[in-house]
């Protein structure tokens, strides 16, 4: 018949009023028979059509629409709303019973769309944020693609343009890549890290530079060691260009932690060079933390520096001291080269926290200048507890002048008072209370020291010490302590020596604080953590670990971490890794917890 003839026949059929039956094609020029409706190009019964209509509440409906460019945006938005709702039902847990089935169904197709990177910036950011927070393995292609795009676009990072809406998700993206241990993300992450300036607007946005550094640290691989060592050796001048200083600070701190994570003995000397350099005072804590991760090899080299046997590092320390004196660096004022060397070498030995380092650490403490003794004593609880180290701590506190410059963030010996609870020794409560009670001076001048001593004493006191600690409290304005003191005393009466009881009280107190919007660093929550850590035995280690992961009170986390360090004098690398993954940024930002995690690795 040919095309023309067929067209004529169809036209005649249409003109004749012939209608399509069930299952037959329906078009604008051909209606369906009575009782049928045209649904997706074919005639069907009205009932069947209604039952076949896609359900807007069915994720599969929106997943199917992702392949339709005209409906993709609305489908993404609908799926994002569904994901948000189900995760909220599971209290923010993407692996919960409501969230997991949904995420299993939608993450892979959404990741495919996000990997293309062709959405508008705001929708792309929202999608990447959801995929990142899902911590779902199927999100990997989207996360890696986003990191690669940012890594390849170095010019965008270098010219300091303001961040775009799509940049808002990158902190979540790199954190998720680290949590999921995505091997494909390693190379582009490292390239991005070494090119990103922390002082740029993109680096500052959402604390992205910090998140990137943390992700790089957690995904560290041996082939990064040479470049990390080079970054660590870079110049650092706090009196020069401020932005350049901030950039170097981020690169060098992260490079130090990368070397610590790799735990290679070859990194000990580069890290010790930083620890011994007064001009790198701001990087030294990260270097010492890294040396603690490395463990015994680091302590051995530090002992050689302390005893004057490591000529290369002795020469380096002397040279950097002279340079610091020429530039009037604050840390060398009224201190000799030996003062600085002895202090820093001893701090490394203490940070490693091995029992076989106690003798050398106490020798360094005795030989140090007053500032050095204060700084060493403030960290001395990192060593496995012994009567000798505890007595050395007491003597240093008693002998130190109130205004001794120990830590930038605390006034004088307040740094030592606040370090006391980490010893987890209740006998220190009456000792410190009596010491603070006998301080000479005006009430106004002594107030910050007595308040710090009272807080520290309340954290570790037992019921037997309540009256002696109250003697100190009575010297302080009652409104500053009475409610906390009464609550701490009641807590002791309730739980006595019962570790599960204290952990339950900690959880309930923090839940109540969250509901009421109370201050984060609640003393009673911290008291519950302290008593749990004091009474904990090896059988309580897992409960302490989970409580630390769940805790939201800063001091509570630190005291629970101290409890774990006490329980594992020979280390526990697996537990360190568990804490590191679970605590994430919170753990990284708290040097005390980071130090405990490092010791649990390095003591082994």
Foldseek 3Di string as FASTA:
>chain_A
DDPVVVVVVVVVCLVVLPADEAFDFADPSHHHDPQWHQDPGGTDGPVVNVVPPDDLVDLVVLLVCCVPVVCNLVSLVSLLVLLVVQCVVVVNQCCDPRNVVSCVPPQLSLLVVLLVVPDPQQSNLSSLQSSLSSLDPSNVSNLQSVLQVLLVPLVVQPVQDADDSNLLNNLSSLLSCLLNLPPSNQVSLVSNLVRHQCLGNSNVRVVSNVSSLLSNLSNADPVCLVVLLVLLPDDAACPPDPSVNSRSLSSNLSSLSSLLSVLDLVCLVSLLLLLLALSNVSNNLSSLLSLLLNAPSNLVVLLCQLVVNPVVSLVSSQVNLVVCVVVVRVVCVVHDSNQSSLLSSLSSLQLNQAQVSVVVNVVSLVPHDLQSVLQSLLSNLSHQDDPVNVVSSLVSLLPHDQQRPHDPVDGRCLSSLLSVLLNLDLVVLLVLLVSLLPDDDDLVVSVVVLVSNLLSSLLRHALVCLVSSVSSVVSYDCVVPVVVSVLSNVLCVVQVQPLVSLLVVLVVVQVVCVVVVHDQQRSNSLSSLSSSLSNDAPVCLVVLLVSLLPRRHPNSNLNSLSSNCNRCSQADLVSLVVSCSSNPPVQVVDSSSSSSSSSNNRSD
